[in-house]
Protein backbone atom coordinates (compact mmCIF):
# COMPACT_ATOMS: atom_id res chain seq x y z
CA MET A 1 4.73 -44.70 18.19
CA PRO A 2 4.10 -47.58 15.80
CA THR A 3 6.44 -46.55 12.94
CA ASP A 4 9.00 -43.92 12.01
CA THR A 5 6.79 -42.38 9.33
CA MET A 6 3.54 -40.48 9.29
CA ARG A 7 1.14 -39.03 6.77
CA ALA A 8 1.30 -35.31 6.08
CA VAL A 9 0.31 -32.71 3.52
CA ARG A 10 3.28 -31.14 1.74
CA LEU A 11 4.07 -28.60 -0.95
CA HIS A 12 6.71 -29.51 -3.53
CA GLU A 13 5.88 -26.44 -5.60
CA TYR A 14 3.79 -23.30 -5.26
CA GLY A 15 0.39 -22.84 -6.84
CA GLY A 16 -3.30 -23.52 -6.32
CA PRO A 17 -4.91 -26.09 -4.01
CA GLU A 18 -3.91 -28.85 -6.43
CA VAL A 19 -0.26 -28.63 -5.29
CA LEU A 20 -1.12 -30.00 -1.84
CA ARG A 21 0.13 -33.60 -1.67
CA PHE A 22 -0.83 -36.20 0.93
CA GLU A 23 2.18 -38.47 1.46
CA GLN A 24 4.39 -40.46 3.83
CA VAL A 25 7.15 -38.50 5.59
CA PRO A 26 9.41 -39.06 8.62
CA ILE A 27 7.96 -38.34 12.05
CA PRO A 28 9.72 -35.28 13.53
CA ARG A 29 11.76 -35.50 16.72
CA PRO A 30 11.20 -32.91 19.44
CA GLY A 31 14.18 -30.65 20.04
CA PRO A 32 15.00 -28.65 23.18
CA GLY A 33 11.93 -26.95 24.59
CA GLU A 34 9.58 -28.99 22.41
CA VAL A 35 7.01 -31.74 22.72
CA LEU A 36 5.85 -34.21 20.10
CA VAL A 37 2.10 -33.93 19.55
CA ARG A 38 -0.07 -36.56 17.93
CA VAL A 39 -2.36 -34.28 15.93
CA HIS A 40 -6.10 -34.90 16.07
CA ALA A 41 -7.14 -31.76 14.18
CA ALA A 42 -5.47 -28.82 12.43
CA GLY A 43 -6.99 -25.41 11.76
CA VAL A 44 -6.87 -23.81 8.31
CA ASN A 45 -5.77 -20.16 8.21
CA PRO A 46 -4.88 -17.51 5.59
CA PRO A 47 -1.09 -17.96 6.01
CA ASP A 48 -1.53 -21.57 4.89
CA TRP A 49 -2.72 -20.53 1.43
CA TYR A 50 -0.30 -17.58 1.33
CA LEU A 51 2.51 -20.13 1.65
CA ARG A 52 0.89 -22.42 -0.90
CA ASP A 53 0.67 -19.47 -3.32
CA GLY A 54 4.39 -18.77 -2.93
CA LEU A 55 4.73 -16.21 -0.12
CA THR A 56 7.74 -17.48 1.85
CA THR A 57 8.70 -14.46 3.97
CA MET A 58 6.42 -13.17 6.71
CA PRO A 59 5.92 -9.41 7.00
CA GLY A 60 8.68 -8.22 9.33
CA GLN A 61 11.04 -11.09 8.50
CA THR A 62 14.27 -10.29 6.69
CA GLU A 63 14.62 -13.68 5.02
CA SER A 64 12.64 -16.83 4.37
CA THR A 65 12.89 -19.97 6.50
CA VAL A 66 10.92 -22.03 3.99
CA THR A 67 12.49 -24.91 2.08
CA LEU A 68 10.53 -27.23 -0.18
CA PRO A 69 8.99 -29.65 0.37
CA ALA A 70 7.16 -27.89 3.21
CA ILE A 71 4.28 -28.84 5.50
CA PRO A 72 1.85 -25.94 5.96
CA GLY A 73 -0.26 -25.14 8.99
CA THR A 74 0.04 -23.55 12.43
CA ASP A 75 -3.07 -24.49 14.44
CA VAL A 76 -3.23 -27.87 16.16
CA SER A 77 -5.11 -29.81 18.76
CA GLY A 78 -3.89 -33.20 19.88
CA VAL A 79 -2.23 -35.34 22.50
CA VAL A 80 1.35 -35.12 23.76
CA GLU A 81 3.28 -38.19 22.63
CA ALA A 82 6.75 -37.35 23.96
CA VAL A 83 8.46 -34.52 25.84
CA ALA A 84 12.01 -33.16 25.52
CA PRO A 85 14.06 -33.53 28.75
CA ASP A 86 14.08 -29.77 29.42
CA VAL A 87 10.30 -29.31 29.16
CA GLU A 88 8.23 -28.88 32.32
CA GLY A 89 4.48 -28.59 32.62
CA PHE A 90 3.51 -31.17 29.98
CA ASP A 91 3.55 -34.96 30.08
CA ALA A 92 2.77 -37.70 27.60
CA GLY A 93 -0.97 -38.11 27.36
CA ASP A 94 -1.84 -34.44 27.96
CA GLU A 95 -4.38 -32.96 25.56
CA VAL A 96 -3.07 -29.68 24.16
CA PHE A 97 -3.79 -27.04 21.52
CA GLY A 98 -1.67 -24.26 20.11
CA LEU A 99 -0.56 -21.78 17.48
CA LEU A 100 2.88 -23.00 16.43
CA ARG A 101 5.90 -20.81 15.65
CA PHE A 102 3.96 -17.81 14.46
CA PRO A 103 4.81 -15.45 12.82
CA SER A 104 6.59 -17.86 10.49
CA PHE A 105 5.68 -20.56 8.01
CA ASP A 106 7.34 -23.25 10.14
CA GLY A 107 4.32 -24.61 12.01
CA SER A 108 4.08 -27.88 10.01
CA ALA A 109 0.64 -28.65 11.43
CA TYR A 110 -0.92 -30.50 8.47
CA ALA A 111 0.41 -33.83 9.71
CA GLU A 112 -0.23 -36.76 12.02
CA TYR A 113 2.58 -35.61 14.32
CA VAL A 114 4.23 -32.25 14.94
CA ALA A 115 7.16 -31.13 17.07
CA ALA A 116 5.79 -28.10 18.91
CA PRO A 117 7.44 -25.50 21.16
CA ALA A 118 6.00 -26.10 24.62
CA SER A 119 5.64 -22.33 25.11
CA ASP A 120 3.19 -22.21 22.18
CA LEU A 121 0.83 -24.76 23.75
CA ALA A 122 -1.90 -24.77 26.35
CA ARG A 123 -3.95 -27.58 27.80
CA LYS A 124 -7.03 -28.23 25.71
CA PRO A 125 -10.24 -27.43 27.59
CA ALA A 126 -11.72 -30.73 28.70
CA GLY A 127 -15.19 -29.83 27.47
CA VAL A 128 -14.06 -28.82 23.99
CA ASP A 129 -13.37 -31.45 21.33
CA HIS A 130 -10.23 -31.42 19.18
CA VAL A 131 -12.00 -30.02 16.10
CA HIS A 132 -13.25 -26.94 17.94
CA ALA A 133 -9.96 -26.53 19.82
CA ALA A 134 -8.01 -26.59 16.54
CA GLY A 135 -10.18 -23.75 15.24
CA ALA A 136 -9.28 -21.46 18.13
CA PRO A 137 -5.56 -20.63 18.26
CA MET A 138 -4.72 -18.20 15.44
CA ALA A 139 -8.13 -16.57 15.11
CA GLY A 140 -8.73 -16.43 18.86
CA LEU A 141 -5.28 -15.04 19.66
CA THR A 142 -5.58 -12.46 16.88
CA ALA A 143 -8.81 -11.13 18.38
CA TRP A 144 -7.28 -11.31 21.86
CA GLN A 145 -4.10 -9.43 20.98
CA PHE A 146 -6.01 -6.73 19.09
CA LEU A 147 -8.76 -6.20 21.68
CA ILE A 148 -7.65 -7.50 25.09
CA GLU A 149 -3.88 -7.71 25.57
CA VAL A 150 -1.03 -7.67 23.07
CA GLY A 151 1.18 -9.84 25.28
CA HIS A 152 4.43 -8.96 23.50
CA ASP A 153 6.56 -5.92 22.68
CA HIS A 154 6.88 -6.48 18.94
CA PRO A 155 5.32 -3.73 16.82
CA SER A 156 3.37 -4.64 13.74
CA PRO A 157 5.56 -4.64 10.62
CA PHE A 158 3.03 -2.19 9.19
CA GLN A 159 3.64 0.54 11.78
CA GLY A 160 6.39 1.81 14.05
CA ALA A 161 4.49 2.00 17.33
CA ARG A 162 3.41 -0.87 19.53
CA HIS A 163 -0.29 -1.66 19.28
CA ARG A 164 -2.36 -0.77 22.33
CA PRO A 165 -5.85 -2.23 22.74
CA ALA A 166 -8.61 0.09 23.90
CA ALA A 167 -10.31 -0.47 27.26
CA LEU A 168 -13.66 -2.19 26.73
CA ASP A 169 -16.59 -2.05 29.13
CA LYS A 170 -20.35 -1.48 29.23
CA ASP A 171 -19.91 2.12 28.08
CA THR A 172 -18.07 1.24 24.87
CA THR A 173 -19.32 0.25 21.43
CA VAL A 174 -17.33 -2.05 19.16
CA LEU A 175 -18.03 -2.51 15.46
CA VAL A 176 -16.68 -5.76 13.99
CA ASN A 177 -16.43 -5.84 10.21
CA GLY A 178 -16.29 -9.33 8.74
CA ALA A 179 -17.85 -10.54 11.97
CA ALA A 180 -18.75 -14.07 10.86
CA GLY A 181 -15.22 -15.16 9.93
CA GLY A 182 -12.54 -16.69 12.10
CA VAL A 183 -11.17 -13.58 13.80
CA GLY A 184 -14.46 -11.72 13.58
CA HIS A 185 -16.59 -14.20 15.47
CA PHE A 186 -14.03 -14.34 18.28
CA ALA A 187 -13.89 -10.53 18.39
CA VAL A 188 -17.67 -10.33 18.79
CA GLN A 189 -17.56 -12.71 21.75
CA LEU A 190 -14.53 -11.18 23.47
CA ALA A 191 -16.01 -7.69 23.21
CA LYS A 192 -19.27 -8.99 24.72
CA TRP A 193 -17.30 -10.72 27.49
CA LYS A 194 -15.91 -7.29 28.38
CA GLY A 195 -19.42 -5.86 28.44
CA ALA A 196 -19.27 -3.81 25.24
CA HIS A 197 -22.16 -3.10 22.89
CA VAL A 198 -21.30 -4.94 19.66
CA VAL A 199 -22.29 -4.06 16.10
CA ALA A 200 -21.61 -6.99 13.76
CA VAL A 201 -21.20 -6.44 10.02
CA ALA A 202 -21.45 -9.44 7.67
CA SER A 203 -23.65 -10.75 4.88
CA GLY A 204 -27.27 -11.52 5.68
CA ALA A 205 -26.78 -15.28 5.82
CA HIS A 206 -24.83 -14.86 9.07
CA ALA A 207 -27.39 -12.81 11.03
CA SER A 208 -28.67 -15.68 13.16
CA PHE A 209 -25.17 -17.02 13.83
CA LEU A 210 -23.91 -13.66 15.07
CA GLY A 211 -27.03 -12.99 17.10
CA GLY A 212 -26.36 -16.28 18.86
CA LEU A 213 -22.85 -15.10 19.70
CA GLY A 214 -24.22 -12.02 21.43
CA ALA A 215 -24.09 -9.29 18.78
CA ASP A 216 -26.40 -6.44 19.80
CA ARG A 217 -26.91 -5.12 16.27
CA PHE A 218 -26.43 -6.71 12.87
CA ILE A 219 -25.78 -4.91 9.59
CA ASP A 220 -25.97 -6.76 6.28
CA TYR A 221 -23.27 -5.08 4.20
CA THR A 222 -24.86 -6.37 0.98
CA ARG A 223 -27.85 -4.11 1.69
CA ASP A 224 -26.52 -1.26 3.84
CA ARG A 225 -23.26 0.59 4.35
CA PRO A 226 -22.28 0.62 8.04
CA GLU A 227 -20.63 4.05 7.74
CA GLU A 228 -24.04 5.45 6.78
CA LEU A 229 -25.89 3.84 9.69
CA VAL A 230 -23.52 3.91 12.66
CA ARG A 231 -21.90 6.78 14.57
CA ASP A 232 -19.97 7.29 17.83
CA VAL A 233 -18.27 3.90 17.86
CA ASP A 234 -15.32 3.51 20.25
CA VAL A 235 -13.52 0.71 18.41
CA VAL A 236 -13.70 -0.68 14.89
CA LEU A 237 -12.09 -4.08 14.38
CA ASP A 238 -11.92 -4.63 10.63
CA THR A 239 -11.06 -8.17 9.53
CA VAL A 240 -11.60 -7.35 5.85
CA GLY A 241 -9.14 -4.52 5.13
CA GLY A 242 -8.46 -3.12 1.69
CA PRO A 243 -9.71 0.18 0.25
CA GLY A 244 -13.09 -0.05 1.99
CA SER A 245 -11.53 0.00 5.45
CA ARG A 246 -11.04 3.78 5.32
CA ALA A 247 -14.80 4.39 5.11
CA LEU A 248 -15.26 2.88 8.58
CA LEU A 249 -13.42 5.87 10.09
CA ARG A 250 -16.73 7.69 9.70
CA THR A 251 -18.34 5.45 12.31
CA LEU A 252 -15.86 6.45 15.06
CA LYS A 253 -16.27 9.09 17.72
CA ARG A 254 -13.38 11.47 18.39
CA GLY A 255 -10.78 9.55 20.39
CA GLY A 256 -11.94 6.26 18.87
CA SER A 257 -9.71 3.52 17.46
CA HIS A 258 -9.70 1.69 14.15
CA PHE A 259 -7.93 -1.70 14.26
CA PRO A 260 -7.39 -3.18 10.77
CA VAL A 261 -6.42 -6.85 10.93
CA PHE A 262 -5.36 -6.70 7.27
CA PRO A 263 -3.72 -3.59 5.79
CA GLY A 264 -6.12 -0.89 4.69
CA GLU A 265 -5.68 2.38 2.83
CA PHE A 266 -5.84 5.43 5.07
CA ASP A 267 -5.17 9.15 4.74
CA ALA A 268 -3.11 10.62 7.59
CA ALA A 269 -4.78 14.02 7.24
CA GLU A 270 -8.25 12.47 7.58
CA ILE A 271 -7.18 10.48 10.65
CA ALA A 272 -5.86 13.66 12.28
CA ARG A 273 -8.95 15.67 11.33
CA ARG A 274 -11.27 13.09 12.84
CA GLY A 275 -9.15 12.77 15.98
CA VAL A 276 -8.98 8.98 15.84
CA THR A 277 -6.26 6.32 15.95
CA VAL A 278 -5.46 3.61 13.43
CA SER A 279 -3.38 0.77 14.88
CA SER A 280 -2.52 -2.79 13.89
CA ALA A 281 -0.87 -5.80 15.53
CA GLN A 282 0.78 -8.98 14.29
CA VAL A 283 -0.44 -12.03 16.13
CA ARG A 284 2.23 -14.12 17.86
CA SER A 285 2.18 -17.55 19.45
CA ASN A 286 1.44 -17.30 23.16
CA GLY A 287 0.62 -20.36 25.25
CA ALA A 288 -0.26 -18.32 28.35
CA GLN A 289 -2.85 -16.24 26.49
CA LEU A 290 -4.22 -19.36 24.87
CA ALA A 291 -4.70 -20.86 28.34
CA GLU A 292 -6.78 -17.79 29.27
CA LEU A 293 -8.85 -18.19 26.12
CA GLY A 294 -9.17 -21.88 26.94
CA ARG A 295 -10.79 -21.04 30.25
CA LEU A 296 -13.42 -18.97 28.42
CA LEU A 297 -14.00 -21.85 26.01
CA GLU A 298 -14.35 -24.30 28.88
CA ALA A 299 -16.89 -22.03 30.59
CA GLY A 300 -18.89 -21.59 27.38
CA THR A 301 -18.32 -17.83 27.45
CA VAL A 302 -16.66 -18.12 24.04
CA ARG A 303 -17.29 -20.83 21.47
CA VAL A 304 -15.69 -21.77 18.19
CA GLY A 305 -17.84 -21.64 15.09
CA ILE A 306 -17.01 -24.41 12.62
CA ASP A 307 -17.68 -23.63 8.98
CA SER A 308 -16.65 -27.06 7.72
CA THR A 309 -14.32 -30.00 8.35
CA PHE A 310 -12.27 -32.09 5.94
CA PRO A 311 -10.05 -35.14 6.43
CA LEU A 312 -6.35 -34.31 6.32
CA ALA A 313 -6.11 -36.14 2.99
CA ASP A 314 -8.62 -33.65 1.56
CA ALA A 315 -6.63 -30.51 2.37
CA ARG A 316 -7.09 -29.46 -1.25
CA ALA A 317 -10.87 -29.39 -0.80
CA ALA A 318 -10.44 -27.37 2.42
CA HIS A 319 -8.40 -24.75 0.56
CA GLU A 320 -10.95 -24.68 -2.23
CA ARG A 321 -13.65 -24.02 0.37
CA ALA A 322 -11.57 -21.17 1.83
CA ALA A 323 -11.16 -19.64 -1.62
CA ARG A 324 -14.94 -19.39 -2.03
CA GLY A 325 -15.07 -17.10 1.02
CA HIS A 326 -18.07 -16.12 3.15
CA LEU A 327 -16.93 -18.42 5.95
CA GLN A 328 -18.95 -18.85 9.11
CA GLY A 329 -16.26 -19.61 11.67
CA LYS A 330 -13.32 -21.89 10.95
CA ILE A 331 -12.31 -24.63 8.52
CA VAL A 332 -10.63 -27.57 10.27
CA LEU A 333 -8.76 -30.65 9.04
CA THR A 334 -9.42 -33.86 10.96
CA VAL A 335 -6.64 -36.39 11.53
CA THR A 336 -7.33 -40.04 12.30
């Protein structure tokens, strides 16, 4: 480590993308159970701009852990620089990627170095570069924990019961709403990996992209309403949420499941009448699950779509790109 300082992006106040400052700060020291990672790339995710806008308490948390100035970010890919004495399984020089300390705003990934819990990390697939690896953790684990395996016993803060994914195989149909975005494009691929028939809903510009990921049917929501075209779906994974999420109940067969990634507006009587389930999860850091996803990335079964990349110093521009929406995959910050 050449110096005791590094460059990082910090918030000194809340507001728009203009409040993101690129500055010199002390390099963190790994505590018990942690490793120091030299960051090569950091993924950009919705909680990053929620924090920037002033949200300091995660759903389900009783109090904030945020103090200003704060370094945003949770998704990293990089190289282990140092290891705490109690950590096993990682050594200096190992390439790793991870979702750090989620759910919380304490990831501090927009930096040249980050102290990361070893349990949140997995070895980076050798055939995947740092940019693509940094785009995988939060979005990939969200799709995984909704569709494949929750991997923890914590219920979503939006419901009392623990989320239970539905079994996916060649006899099931999955509709993914917002299929071209971060979570959506992973959901399409994981459902295909399990053998399901996948209906992808996005704007027309993403048709080719989603066809390349294996979607069996594409619906351009700017021209057609999926609830008017599709019936007898087993699972809806909705990455959009909001008032329109309720309409997708009409696509489900009796016994089907609607999984809203973001809160929607639903009527309990309608859910009961249709004989369907609405269930949500809150993604959590999980190095073991990320290792499983990493094996799929290494094999080429799943790939990370990259919408755009920006140097760490241009985090403001990355957040401005996110605000324009219609992403195709992930936004990633590069660190040199």
